[in-house]
Amino acid sequence: MTCTCTGTVDAMLAERNTRLTLPIMLGEDQTPRLMIVTEQIEKGRGKKKAVGMSATFCPFCGAAYVRENTDQVPA
């Protein structure tokens, strides 16, 4: 991450016994990013399942998340 927003927001959320989640990303780009939680609206057989989303920019300041290993060429 290029900014320190997650640490700042975690400090503010701590008084409410809450913190942000940074999941481990598997695949080519393993840069930790904030995951946007989603939920399935309609449940039942044949309904599409909810998908998780990860931010490519900091939702707090707008800074782009960059790859930790810049030697790799994006696919």
PDB file of N, CA and C in Angstrom:
ATOM      1  N   MET A   1       0.849  -1.181   0.000  1.00  0.00           N
ATOM      2  CA  MET A   1       0.000   0.000   0.000  1.00  0.00           C
ATOM      3  C   MET A   1       0.889   1.237   0.000  1.00  0.00           C
ATOM      4  N   THR A   2       0.409   2.264  -0.633  1.00  0.00           N
ATOM      5  CA  THR A   2       1.201   3.477  -0.736  1.00  0.00           C
ATOM      6  C   THR A   2       0.820   4.512   0.311  1.00  0.00           C
ATOM      7  N   CYS A   3      -0.308   4.342   0.963  1.00  0.00           N
ATOM      8  CA  CYS A   3      -0.753   5.306   1.966  1.00  0.00           C
ATOM      9  C   CYS A   3      -0.849   4.632   3.332  1.00  0.00           C
ATOM     10  N   THR A   4      -1.109   5.426   4.351  1.00  0.00           N
ATOM     11  CA  THR A   4      -1.234   4.896   5.714  1.00  0.00           C
ATOM     12  C   THR A   4      -2.669   4.992   6.225  1.00  0.00           C
ATOM     13  N   CYS A   5      -3.615   5.119   5.314  1.00  0.00           N
ATOM     14  CA  CYS A   5      -5.016   5.297   5.695  1.00  0.00           C
ATOM     15  C   CYS A   5      -5.553   4.137   6.526  1.00  0.00           C
ATOM     16  N   THR A   6      -5.196   2.896   6.188  1.00  0.00           N
ATOM     17  CA  THR A   6      -5.744   1.762   6.926  1.00  0.00           C
ATOM     18  C   THR A   6      -5.333   1.813   8.392  1.00  0.00           C
ATOM     19  N   GLY A   7      -4.099   2.209   8.673  1.00  0.00           N
ATOM     20  CA  GLY A   7      -3.653   2.355  10.062  1.00  0.00           C
ATOM     21  C   GLY A   7      -4.390   3.467  10.783  1.00  0.00           C
ATOM     22  N   THR A   8      -4.597   4.573  10.088  1.00  0.00           N
ATOM     23  CA  THR A   8      -5.315   5.708  10.672  1.00  0.00           C
ATOM     24  C   THR A   8      -6.769   5.336  10.958  1.00  0.00           C
ATOM     25  N   VAL A   9      -7.426   4.694   9.997  1.00  0.00           N
ATOM     26  CA  VAL A   9      -8.828   4.307  10.175  1.00  0.00           C
ATOM     27  C   VAL A   9      -8.944   3.232  11.254  1.00  0.00           C
ATOM     28  N   ASP A  10      -8.022   2.266  11.281  1.00  0.00           N
ATOM     29  CA  ASP A  10      -8.028   1.241  12.331  1.00  0.00           C
ATOM     30  C   ASP A  10      -7.927   1.870  13.714  1.00  0.00           C
ATOM     31  N   ALA A  11      -7.094   2.888  13.858  1.00  0.00           N
ATOM     32  CA  ALA A  11      -6.953   3.572  15.151  1.00  0.00           C
ATOM     33  C   ALA A  11      -8.272   4.240  15.553  1.00  0.00           C
ATOM     34  N   MET A  12      -8.973   4.834  14.591  1.00  0.00           N
ATOM     35  CA  MET A  12     -10.253   5.471  14.894  1.00  0.00           C
ATOM     36  C   MET A  12     -11.340   4.441  15.190  1.00  0.00           C
ATOM     37  N   LEU A  13     -11.294   3.295  14.508  1.00  0.00           N
ATOM     38  CA  LEU A  13     -12.294   2.252  14.720  1.00  0.00           C
ATOM     39  C   LEU A  13     -12.060   1.468  16.006  1.00  0.00           C
ATOM     40  N   ALA A  14     -10.845   1.500  16.537  1.00  0.00           N
ATOM     41  CA  ALA A  14     -10.502   0.711  17.724  1.00  0.00           C
ATOM     42  C   ALA A  14     -11.399   1.038  18.914  1.00  0.00           C
ATOM     43  N   GLU A  15     -11.820   2.293  19.037  1.00  0.00           N
ATOM     44  CA  GLU A  15     -12.687   2.661  20.157  1.00  0.00           C
ATOM     45  C   GLU A  15     -14.068   2.016  20.042  1.00  0.00           C
ATOM     46  N   ARG A  16     -14.391   1.483  18.861  1.00  0.00           N
ATOM     47  CA  ARG A  16     -15.660   0.775  18.653  1.00  0.00           C
ATOM     48  C   ARG A  16     -15.434  -0.728  18.491  1.00  0.00           C
ATOM     49  N   ASN A  17     -14.243  -1.186  18.920  1.00  0.00           N
ATOM     50  CA  ASN A  17     -13.895  -2.606  18.866  1.00  0.00           C
ATOM     51  C   ASN A  17     -14.048  -3.156  17.444  1.00  0.00           C
ATOM     52  N   THR A  18     -13.538  -2.400  16.468  1.00  0.00           N
ATOM     53  CA  THR A  18     -13.667  -2.738  15.054  1.00  0.00           C
ATOM     54  C   THR A  18     -12.355  -2.465  14.348  1.00  0.00           C
ATOM     55  N   ARG A  19     -12.090  -3.198  13.264  1.00  0.00           N
ATOM     56  CA  ARG A  19     -10.928  -2.918  12.429  1.00  0.00           C
ATOM     57  C   ARG A  19     -11.237  -3.306  10.989  1.00  0.00           C
ATOM     58  N   LEU A  20     -10.446  -2.784  10.068  1.00  0.00           N
ATOM     59  CA  LEU A  20     -10.586  -3.119   8.657  1.00  0.00           C
ATOM     60  C   LEU A  20     -10.015  -4.511   8.410  1.00  0.00           C
ATOM     61  N   THR A  21     -10.457  -5.150   7.351  1.00  0.00           N
ATOM     62  CA  THR A  21      -9.964  -6.469   6.985  1.00  0.00           C
ATOM     63  C   THR A  21      -9.087  -6.360   5.743  1.00  0.00           C
ATOM     64  N   LEU A  22      -7.881  -6.896   5.837  1.00  0.00           N
ATOM     65  CA  LEU A  22      -6.985  -6.973   4.685  1.00  0.00           C
ATOM     66  C   LEU A  22      -6.737  -8.443   4.393  1.00  0.00           C
ATOM     67  N   PRO A  23      -7.483  -9.021   3.462  1.00  0.00           N
ATOM     68  CA  PRO A  23      -7.323 -10.445   3.184  1.00  0.00           C
ATOM     69  C   PRO A  23      -6.022 -10.721   2.442  1.00  0.00           C
ATOM     70  N   ILE A  24      -5.560 -11.936   2.506  1.00  0.00           N
ATOM     71  CA  ILE A  24      -4.396 -12.345   1.738  1.00  0.00           C
ATOM     72  C   ILE A  24      -4.877 -12.646   0.325  1.00  0.00           C
ATOM     73  N   MET A  25      -4.296 -11.992  -0.644  1.00  0.00           N
ATOM     74  CA  MET A  25      -4.698 -12.175  -2.030  1.00  0.00           C
ATOM     75  C   MET A  25      -3.813 -13.240  -2.656  1.00  0.00           C
ATOM     76  N   LEU A  26      -4.411 -14.254  -3.250  1.00  0.00           N
ATOM     77  CA  LEU A  26      -3.660 -15.303  -3.926  1.00  0.00           C
ATOM     78  C   LEU A  26      -3.723 -15.070  -5.427  1.00  0.00           C
ATOM     79  N   GLY A  27      -2.616 -15.287  -6.091  1.00  0.00           N
ATOM     80  CA  GLY A  27      -2.552 -15.070  -7.528  1.00  0.00           C
ATOM     81  C   GLY A  27      -1.323 -14.260  -7.860  1.00  0.00           C
ATOM     82  N   GLU A  28      -1.284 -13.720  -9.069  1.00  0.00           N
ATOM     83  CA  GLU A  28      -0.118 -12.956  -9.498  1.00  0.00           C
ATOM     84  C   GLU A  28       0.152 -11.758  -8.593  1.00  0.00           C
ATOM     85  N   ASP A  29      -0.872 -10.970  -8.350  1.00  0.00           N
ATOM     86  CA  ASP A  29      -0.726  -9.747  -7.558  1.00  0.00           C
ATOM     87  C   ASP A  29      -1.126 -10.049  -6.118  1.00  0.00           C
ATOM     88  N   GLN A  30      -0.156 -10.173  -5.218  1.00  0.00           N
ATOM     89  CA  GLN A  30      -0.442 -10.526  -3.830  1.00  0.00           C
ATOM     90  C   GLN A  30      -0.355  -9.317  -2.906  1.00  0.00           C
ATOM     91  N   THR A  31      -0.604  -8.126  -3.459  1.00  0.00           N
ATOM     92  CA  THR A  31      -0.614  -6.908  -2.671  1.00  0.00           C
ATOM     93  C   THR A  31      -1.842  -6.898  -1.772  1.00  0.00           C
ATOM     94  N   PRO A  32      -1.668  -6.671  -0.451  1.00  0.00           N
ATOM     95  CA  PRO A  32      -2.864  -6.616   0.404  1.00  0.00           C
ATOM     96  C   PRO A  32      -3.738  -5.415   0.029  1.00  0.00           C
ATOM     97  N   ARG A  33      -5.029  -5.657  -0.083  1.00  0.00           N
ATOM     98  CA  ARG A  33      -5.980  -4.605  -0.438  1.00  0.00           C
ATOM     99  C   ARG A  33      -7.213  -4.747   0.430  1.00  0.00           C
ATOM    100  N   LEU A  34      -7.938  -3.676   0.594  1.00  0.00           N
ATOM    101  CA  LEU A  34      -9.191  -3.744   1.331  1.00  0.00           C
ATOM    102  C   LEU A  34     -10.206  -4.540   0.540  1.00  0.00           C
ATOM    103  N   MET A  35     -10.915  -5.397   1.229  1.00  0.00           N
ATOM    104  CA  MET A  35     -11.961  -6.183   0.587  1.00  0.00           C
ATOM    105  C   MET A  35     -13.295  -5.522   0.890  1.00  0.00           C
ATOM    106  N   ILE A  36     -14.101  -5.351  -0.136  1.00  0.00           N
ATOM    107  CA  ILE A  36     -15.419  -4.768   0.028  1.00  0.00           C
ATOM    108  C   ILE A  36     -16.392  -5.917   0.242  1.00  0.00           C
ATOM    109  N   VAL A  37     -17.039  -5.938   1.384  1.00  0.00           N
ATOM    110  CA  VAL A  37     -17.929  -7.038   1.733  1.00  0.00           C
ATOM    111  C   VAL A  37     -19.239  -6.890   0.972  1.00  0.00           C
ATOM    112  N   THR A  38     -19.702  -8.001   0.407  1.00  0.00           N
ATOM    113  CA  THR A  38     -20.975  -8.015  -0.303  1.00  0.00           C
ATOM    114  C   THR A  38     -21.856  -9.110   0.292  1.00  0.00           C
ATOM    115  N   GLU A  39     -23.124  -9.068  -0.012  1.00  0.00           N
ATOM    116  CA  GLU A  39     -24.011 -10.133   0.442  1.00  0.00           C
ATOM    117  C   GLU A  39     -24.961 -10.493  -0.687  1.00  0.00           C
ATOM    118  N   GLN A  40     -25.397 -11.719  -0.693  1.00  0.00           N
ATOM    119  CA  GLN A  40     -26.313 -12.222  -1.706  1.00  0.00           C
ATOM    120  C   GLN A  40     -27.712 -11.695  -1.418  1.00  0.00           C
ATOM    121  N   ILE A  41     -28.370 -11.126  -2.421  1.00  0.00           N
ATOM    122  CA  ILE A  41     -29.700 -10.549  -2.232  1.00  0.00           C
ATOM    123  C   ILE A  41     -30.767 -11.645  -2.243  1.00  0.00           C
ATOM    124  N   GLU A  42     -30.823 -12.385  -3.323  1.00  0.00           N
ATOM    125  CA  GLU A  42     -31.815 -13.453  -3.443  1.00  0.00           C
ATOM    126  C   GLU A  42     -31.127 -14.796  -3.225  1.00  0.00           C
ATOM    127  N   LYS A  43     -31.676 -15.600  -2.349  1.00  0.00           N
ATOM    128  CA  LYS A  43     -31.095 -16.896  -2.071  1.00  0.00           C
ATOM    129  C   LYS A  43     -31.972 -17.976  -2.678  1.00  0.00           C
ATOM    130  N   GLY A  44     -31.379 -19.109  -2.933  1.00  0.00           N
ATOM    131  CA  GLY A  44     -32.145 -20.232  -3.459  1.00  0.00           C
ATOM    132  C   GLY A  44     -31.445 -20.902  -4.615  1.00  0.00           C
ATOM    133  N   ARG A  45     -32.011 -21.985  -5.007  1.00  0.00           N
ATOM    134  CA  ARG A  45     -31.455 -22.787  -6.083  1.00  0.00           C
ATOM    135  C   ARG A  45     -31.433 -21.991  -7.389  1.00  0.00           C
ATOM    136  N   GLY A  46     -30.295 -22.023  -8.053  1.00  0.00           N
ATOM    137  CA  GLY A  46     -30.159 -21.355  -9.342  1.00  0.00           C
ATOM    138  C   GLY A  46     -29.813 -19.874  -9.261  1.00  0.00           C
ATOM    139  N   LYS A  47     -29.779 -19.309  -8.061  1.00  0.00           N
ATOM    140  CA  LYS A  47     -29.438 -17.883  -7.909  1.00  0.00           C
ATOM    141  C   LYS A  47     -27.919 -17.740  -7.882  1.00  0.00           C
ATOM    142  N   LYS A  48     -27.406 -16.707  -8.498  1.00  0.00           N
ATOM    143  CA  LYS A  48     -25.965 -16.469  -8.488  1.00  0.00           C
ATOM    144  C   LYS A  48     -25.505 -16.149  -7.074  1.00  0.00           C
ATOM    145  N   LYS A  49     -24.314 -16.598  -6.739  1.00  0.00           N
ATOM    146  CA  LYS A  49     -23.732 -16.356  -5.420  1.00  0.00           C
ATOM    147  C   LYS A  49     -23.093 -14.963  -5.385  1.00  0.00           C
ATOM    148  N   ALA A  50     -23.027 -14.377  -4.202  1.00  0.00           N
ATOM    149  CA  ALA A  50     -22.384 -13.078  -4.028  1.00  0.00           C
ATOM    150  C   ALA A  50     -20.884 -13.222  -4.282  1.00  0.00           C
ATOM    151  N   VAL A  51     -20.280 -12.189  -4.796  1.00  0.00           N
ATOM    152  CA  VAL A  51     -18.838 -12.192  -5.045  1.00  0.00           C
ATOM    153  C   VAL A  51     -18.182 -11.131  -4.182  1.00  0.00           C
ATOM    154  N   GLY A  52     -16.949 -11.373  -3.780  1.00  0.00           N
ATOM    155  CA  GLY A  52     -16.183 -10.376  -3.034  1.00  0.00           C
ATOM    156  C   GLY A  52     -15.504  -9.418  -3.999  1.00  0.00           C
ATOM    157  N   MET A  53     -15.285  -8.216  -3.573  1.00  0.00           N
ATOM    158  CA  MET A  53     -14.615  -7.218  -4.397  1.00  0.00           C
ATOM    159  C   MET A  53     -13.425  -6.668  -3.626  1.00  0.00           C
ATOM    160  N   SER A  54     -12.318  -6.431  -4.312  1.00  0.00           N
ATOM    161  CA  SER A  54     -11.187  -5.792  -3.663  1.00  0.00           C
ATOM    162  C   SER A  54     -10.877  -4.475  -4.347  1.00  0.00           C
ATOM    163  N   ALA A  55     -10.572  -3.500  -3.541  1.00  0.00           N
ATOM    164  CA  ALA A  55     -10.321  -2.153  -4.045  1.00  0.00           C
ATOM    165  C   ALA A  55      -8.957  -2.081  -4.742  1.00  0.00           C
ATOM    166  N   THR A  56      -8.863  -1.333  -5.820  1.00  0.00           N
ATOM    167  CA  THR A  56      -7.579  -1.090  -6.469  1.00  0.00           C
ATOM    168  C   THR A  56      -7.048   0.298  -6.114  1.00  0.00           C
ATOM    169  N   PHE A  57      -7.906   1.116  -5.489  1.00  0.00           N
ATOM    170  CA  PHE A  57      -7.520   2.428  -4.991  1.00  0.00           C
ATOM    171  C   PHE A  57      -7.946   2.520  -3.536  1.00  0.00           C
ATOM    172  N   CYS A  58      -7.251   3.283  -2.722  1.00  0.00           N
ATOM    173  CA  CYS A  58      -7.636   3.482  -1.330  1.00  0.00           C
ATOM    174  C   CYS A  58      -8.986   4.198  -1.311  1.00  0.00           C
ATOM    175  N   PRO A  59      -9.998   3.630  -0.645  1.00  0.00           N
ATOM    176  CA  PRO A  59     -11.301   4.275  -0.617  1.00  0.00           C
ATOM    177  C   PRO A  59     -11.330   5.526   0.261  1.00  0.00           C
ATOM    178  N   PHE A  60     -10.267   5.766   1.008  1.00  0.00           N
ATOM    179  CA  PHE A  60     -10.233   6.916   1.918  1.00  0.00           C
ATOM    180  C   PHE A  60      -9.529   8.121   1.310  1.00  0.00           C
ATOM    181  N   CYS A  61      -8.397   7.908   0.610  1.00  0.00           N
ATOM    182  CA  CYS A  61      -7.665   9.046   0.048  1.00  0.00           C
ATOM    183  C   CYS A  61      -7.556   9.001  -1.470  1.00  0.00           C
ATOM    184  N   GLY A  62      -7.871   7.852  -2.082  1.00  0.00           N
ATOM    185  CA  GLY A  62      -7.834   7.729  -3.534  1.00  0.00           C
ATOM    186  C   GLY A  62      -6.497   7.317  -4.123  1.00  0.00           C
ATOM    187  N   ALA A  63      -5.482   7.059  -3.279  1.00  0.00           N
ATOM    188  CA  ALA A  63      -4.174   6.638  -3.788  1.00  0.00           C
ATOM    189  C   ALA A  63      -4.286   5.245  -4.394  1.00  0.00           C
ATOM    190  N   ALA A  64      -3.602   5.031  -5.515  1.00  0.00           N
ATOM    191  CA  ALA A  64      -3.623   3.726  -6.175  1.00  0.00           C
ATOM    192  C   ALA A  64      -2.782   2.740  -5.386  1.00  0.00           C
ATOM    193  N   TYR A  65      -3.290   1.507  -5.245  1.00  0.00           N
ATOM    194  CA  TYR A  65      -2.485   0.445  -4.650  1.00  0.00           C
ATOM    195  C   TYR A  65      -1.511  -0.026  -5.718  1.00  0.00           C
ATOM    196  N   VAL A  66      -0.256  -0.183  -5.357  1.00  0.00           N
ATOM    197  CA  VAL A  66       0.753  -0.620  -6.325  1.00  0.00           C
ATOM    198  C   VAL A  66       1.229  -2.017  -5.981  1.00  0.00           C
ATOM    199  N   ARG A  67       1.714  -2.717  -6.967  1.00  0.00           N
ATOM    200  CA  ARG A  67       2.252  -4.053  -6.756  1.00  0.00           C
ATOM    201  C   ARG A  67       3.527  -3.966  -5.936  1.00  0.00           C
ATOM    202  N   GLU A  68       3.709  -4.934  -5.034  1.00  0.00           N
ATOM    203  CA  GLU A  68       4.935  -4.981  -4.235  1.00  0.00           C
ATOM    204  C   GLU A  68       6.118  -5.373  -5.100  1.00  0.00           C
ATOM    205  N   ASN A  69       5.927  -6.285  -6.052  1.00  0.00           N
ATOM    206  CA  ASN A  69       6.989  -6.736  -6.933  1.00  0.00           C
ATOM    207  C   ASN A  69       6.776  -6.063  -8.280  1.00  0.00           C
ATOM    208  N   THR A  70       7.509  -4.982  -8.540  1.00  0.00           N
ATOM    209  CA  THR A  70       7.292  -4.212  -9.766  1.00  0.00           C
ATOM    210  C   THR A  70       7.999  -4.827 -10.955  1.00  0.00           C
ATOM    211  N   ASP A  71       8.734  -5.945 -10.754  1.00  0.00           N
ATOM    212  CA  ASP A  71       9.402  -6.626 -11.872  1.00  0.00           C
ATOM    213  C   ASP A  71       8.411  -7.391 -12.731  1.00  0.00           C
ATOM    214  N   GLN A  72       7.247  -7.717 -12.176  1.00  0.00           N
ATOM    215  CA  GLN A  72       6.253  -8.492 -12.920  1.00  0.00           C
ATOM    216  C   GLN A  72       5.478  -7.595 -13.859  1.00  0.00           C
ATOM    217  N   VAL A  73       5.205  -8.134 -15.031  1.00  0.00           N
ATOM    218  CA  VAL A  73       4.410  -7.415 -16.014  1.00  0.00           C
ATOM    219  C   VAL A  73       2.959  -7.820 -15.828  1.00  0.00           C
ATOM    220  N   PRO A  74       2.010  -6.856 -15.746  1.00  0.00           N
ATOM    221  CA  PRO A  74       0.604  -7.209 -15.576  1.00  0.00           C
ATOM    222  C   PRO A  74       0.120  -8.109 -16.699  1.00  0.00           C
ATOM    223  N   ALA A  75      -0.752  -9.056 -16.350  1.00  0.00           N
ATOM    224  CA  ALA A  75      -1.282  -9.989 -17.362  1.00  0.00           C
ATOM    225  C   ALA A  75      -2.381  -9.336 -18.173  1.00  0.00           C
TER     226      ALA A  75
END
